[in-house]
């Protein structure tokens, strides 16, 4: 059972703009990988704001398929 919790801010999941720098893309991937490590830990519960996906959707950043495709191309 988790003994701690952490909340992911929607900005962590927001894809950088396609015209951003390579450095921004690398920081984004590193942040996702850091959070992914915590997902596998049994001692922590990862939470998200109830409106995170709604905010990202309204900004055109969710679902992530198209923004990610543009970023990596």
N, C-alpha and C. Protein backbone atom coordinates (compact mmCIF):
# COMPACT_ATOMS: atom_id res chain seq x y z
N UNK A 1 0.84 -1.18 0.00
CA UNK A 1 0.00 0.00 0.00
C UNK A 1 0.89 1.24 0.00
N UNK A 2 0.56 2.24 -0.86
CA UNK A 2 1.36 3.46 -0.93
C UNK A 2 1.40 4.20 0.40
N UNK A 3 2.56 4.72 0.74
CA UNK A 3 2.70 5.50 1.97
C UNK A 3 2.93 6.98 1.67
N UNK A 4 3.03 7.32 0.40
CA UNK A 4 3.22 8.71 0.00
C UNK A 4 2.49 8.94 -1.32
N UNK A 5 2.26 10.19 -1.63
CA UNK A 5 1.63 10.50 -2.91
C UNK A 5 2.31 11.71 -3.54
N UNK A 6 2.22 11.78 -4.84
CA UNK A 6 2.75 12.91 -5.60
C UNK A 6 1.73 13.25 -6.67
N UNK A 7 1.59 14.54 -6.93
CA UNK A 7 0.64 14.99 -7.94
C UNK A 7 1.40 15.49 -9.15
N UNK A 8 1.02 14.99 -10.33
CA UNK A 8 1.63 15.44 -11.58
C UNK A 8 0.85 16.66 -12.05
N UNK A 9 1.56 17.74 -12.26
CA UNK A 9 0.96 18.94 -12.81
C UNK A 9 0.74 18.74 -14.31
N UNK A 10 -0.34 19.30 -14.84
CA UNK A 10 -0.65 19.15 -16.26
C UNK A 10 0.50 19.65 -17.15
N UNK A 11 1.24 20.62 -16.68
CA UNK A 11 2.34 21.15 -17.50
C UNK A 11 3.42 20.11 -17.76
N UNK A 12 3.53 19.12 -16.90
CA UNK A 12 4.52 18.06 -17.11
C UNK A 12 4.15 17.24 -18.34
N UNK A 13 2.86 17.08 -18.58
CA UNK A 13 2.40 16.27 -19.70
C UNK A 13 2.22 17.07 -20.99
N UNK A 14 2.26 18.38 -20.90
CA UNK A 14 2.07 19.22 -22.08
C UNK A 14 3.28 19.11 -22.99
N UNK A 15 3.03 18.76 -24.23
CA UNK A 15 4.11 18.60 -25.21
C UNK A 15 4.67 19.97 -25.59
N UNK A 16 5.99 20.11 -25.64
CA UNK A 16 6.57 21.38 -26.09
C UNK A 16 6.13 21.69 -27.52
N UNK A 17 6.18 22.96 -27.92
CA UNK A 17 5.75 23.31 -29.27
C UNK A 17 6.65 22.67 -30.33
N UNK A 18 6.08 22.35 -31.50
CA UNK A 18 6.88 21.71 -32.56
C UNK A 18 8.05 22.56 -33.02
N UNK A 19 7.96 23.87 -32.87
CA UNK A 19 9.07 24.74 -33.28
C UNK A 19 10.00 25.04 -32.11
N UNK A 20 9.87 24.28 -31.03
CA UNK A 20 10.75 24.47 -29.88
C UNK A 20 12.14 23.93 -30.14
N UNK A 21 12.99 24.09 -29.17
CA UNK A 21 14.38 23.65 -29.31
C UNK A 21 14.52 22.17 -28.98
N UNK A 22 15.61 21.60 -29.43
CA UNK A 22 15.92 20.21 -29.10
C UNK A 22 16.07 20.06 -27.58
N UNK A 23 16.60 21.08 -26.94
CA UNK A 23 16.77 21.06 -25.49
C UNK A 23 15.42 20.94 -24.78
N UNK A 24 14.42 21.67 -25.27
CA UNK A 24 13.08 21.58 -24.68
C UNK A 24 12.51 20.17 -24.85
N UNK A 25 12.71 19.59 -26.01
CA UNK A 25 12.23 18.22 -26.25
C UNK A 25 12.93 17.23 -25.33
N UNK A 26 14.23 17.39 -25.16
CA UNK A 26 14.98 16.49 -24.27
C UNK A 26 14.52 16.63 -22.82
N UNK A 27 14.29 17.87 -22.37
CA UNK A 27 13.80 18.08 -20.99
C UNK A 27 12.43 17.44 -20.79
N UNK A 28 11.58 17.54 -21.81
CA UNK A 28 10.25 16.94 -21.75
C UNK A 28 10.35 15.42 -21.59
N UNK A 29 11.17 14.80 -22.44
CA UNK A 29 11.34 13.34 -22.37
C UNK A 29 11.93 12.93 -21.03
N UNK A 30 12.92 13.68 -20.54
CA UNK A 30 13.53 13.36 -19.24
C UNK A 30 12.50 13.45 -18.12
N UNK A 31 11.64 14.47 -18.16
CA UNK A 31 10.61 14.61 -17.13
C UNK A 31 9.65 13.42 -17.16
N UNK A 32 9.24 13.01 -18.37
CA UNK A 32 8.34 11.85 -18.47
C UNK A 32 9.01 10.58 -17.96
N UNK A 33 10.27 10.41 -18.28
CA UNK A 33 10.99 9.22 -17.82
C UNK A 33 11.15 9.22 -16.30
N UNK A 34 11.40 10.40 -15.72
CA UNK A 34 11.51 10.49 -14.27
C UNK A 34 10.19 10.10 -13.60
N UNK A 35 9.07 10.62 -14.12
CA UNK A 35 7.76 10.26 -13.56
C UNK A 35 7.47 8.78 -13.78
N UNK A 36 7.87 8.23 -14.92
CA UNK A 36 7.62 6.82 -15.22
C UNK A 36 8.31 5.91 -14.20
N UNK A 37 9.49 6.32 -13.74
CA UNK A 37 10.18 5.53 -12.72
C UNK A 37 9.34 5.42 -11.45
N UNK A 38 8.68 6.52 -11.09
CA UNK A 38 7.86 6.50 -9.87
C UNK A 38 6.61 5.64 -10.03
N UNK A 39 6.11 5.51 -11.26
CA UNK A 39 4.91 4.70 -11.48
C UNK A 39 5.13 3.25 -11.07
N UNK A 40 6.35 2.78 -11.18
CA UNK A 40 6.66 1.39 -10.86
C UNK A 40 6.91 1.17 -9.37
N UNK A 41 6.99 2.24 -8.60
CA UNK A 41 7.28 2.12 -7.17
C UNK A 41 6.01 1.82 -6.37
N UNK A 42 6.02 0.78 -5.55
CA UNK A 42 4.82 0.43 -4.79
C UNK A 42 4.55 1.36 -3.59
N UNK A 43 5.52 2.15 -3.19
CA UNK A 43 5.38 2.97 -1.98
C UNK A 43 4.78 4.34 -2.25
N UNK A 44 4.50 4.67 -3.52
CA UNK A 44 3.99 6.00 -3.83
C UNK A 44 2.79 5.92 -4.77
N UNK A 45 1.82 6.76 -4.51
CA UNK A 45 0.66 6.88 -5.39
C UNK A 45 0.81 8.15 -6.23
N UNK A 46 0.69 8.02 -7.53
CA UNK A 46 0.79 9.16 -8.43
C UNK A 46 -0.63 9.64 -8.74
N UNK A 47 -0.85 10.93 -8.52
CA UNK A 47 -2.17 11.51 -8.73
C UNK A 47 -2.09 12.62 -9.78
N UNK A 48 -3.24 12.88 -10.40
CA UNK A 48 -3.35 14.00 -11.33
C UNK A 48 -4.58 14.79 -10.97
N UNK A 49 -4.53 16.07 -11.24
CA UNK A 49 -5.68 16.92 -11.04
C UNK A 49 -6.84 16.39 -11.87
N UNK A 50 -8.04 16.53 -11.35
CA UNK A 50 -9.22 16.05 -12.07
C UNK A 50 -9.36 16.72 -13.43
N UNK A 51 -8.88 17.93 -13.56
CA UNK A 51 -9.08 18.67 -14.80
C UNK A 51 -7.86 18.69 -15.70
N UNK A 52 -6.83 17.93 -15.38
CA UNK A 52 -5.61 17.93 -16.19
C UNK A 52 -5.89 17.57 -17.64
N UNK A 53 -6.56 16.47 -17.87
CA UNK A 53 -6.81 16.06 -19.26
C UNK A 53 -7.71 17.06 -19.97
N UNK A 54 -8.66 17.65 -19.24
CA UNK A 54 -9.55 18.65 -19.84
C UNK A 54 -8.76 19.90 -20.26
N UNK A 55 -7.87 20.35 -19.39
CA UNK A 55 -7.05 21.53 -19.70
C UNK A 55 -6.16 21.24 -20.91
N UNK A 56 -5.53 20.07 -20.92
CA UNK A 56 -4.66 19.71 -22.04
C UNK A 56 -5.47 19.56 -23.33
N UNK A 57 -6.65 18.98 -23.26
CA UNK A 57 -7.50 18.83 -24.44
C UNK A 57 -7.89 20.19 -24.99
N UNK A 58 -8.30 21.11 -24.11
CA UNK A 58 -8.68 22.46 -24.54
C UNK A 58 -7.52 23.20 -25.19
N UNK A 59 -6.30 22.88 -24.78
CA UNK A 59 -5.11 23.54 -25.34
C UNK A 59 -4.62 22.82 -26.60
N UNK A 60 -5.31 21.74 -27.00
CA UNK A 60 -4.90 20.98 -28.18
C UNK A 60 -3.71 20.08 -27.93
N UNK A 61 -3.46 19.75 -26.65
CA UNK A 61 -2.30 18.93 -26.30
C UNK A 61 -2.67 17.54 -25.82
N UNK A 62 -3.92 17.17 -25.97
CA UNK A 62 -4.37 15.84 -25.55
C UNK A 62 -5.48 15.41 -26.49
N UNK A 63 -5.50 14.27 -27.05
CA UNK A 63 -4.48 13.23 -26.88
C UNK A 63 -3.14 13.66 -27.46
N UNK A 64 -2.11 12.97 -27.04
CA UNK A 64 -0.75 13.40 -27.33
C UNK A 64 -0.21 12.97 -28.69
N UNK A 65 -0.91 12.10 -29.41
CA UNK A 65 -0.35 11.53 -30.63
C UNK A 65 0.11 12.58 -31.64
N UNK A 66 -0.75 13.50 -32.03
CA UNK A 66 -0.38 14.48 -33.06
C UNK A 66 0.69 15.46 -32.57
N UNK A 67 0.57 16.05 -31.36
CA UNK A 67 1.65 16.94 -30.92
C UNK A 67 3.00 16.24 -30.79
N UNK A 68 3.00 14.99 -30.35
CA UNK A 68 4.27 14.26 -30.25
C UNK A 68 4.85 13.97 -31.63
N UNK A 69 3.99 13.61 -32.56
CA UNK A 69 4.46 13.33 -33.91
C UNK A 69 5.13 14.58 -34.50
N UNK A 70 4.51 15.75 -34.30
CA UNK A 70 5.08 17.00 -34.80
C UNK A 70 6.39 17.33 -34.10
N UNK A 71 6.43 17.12 -32.78
CA UNK A 71 7.65 17.42 -32.02
C UNK A 71 8.82 16.59 -32.50
N UNK A 72 8.61 15.30 -32.70
CA UNK A 72 9.72 14.41 -33.05
C UNK A 72 10.12 14.52 -34.52
N UNK A 73 9.23 15.04 -35.35
CA UNK A 73 9.61 15.19 -36.75
C UNK A 73 10.41 16.48 -36.90
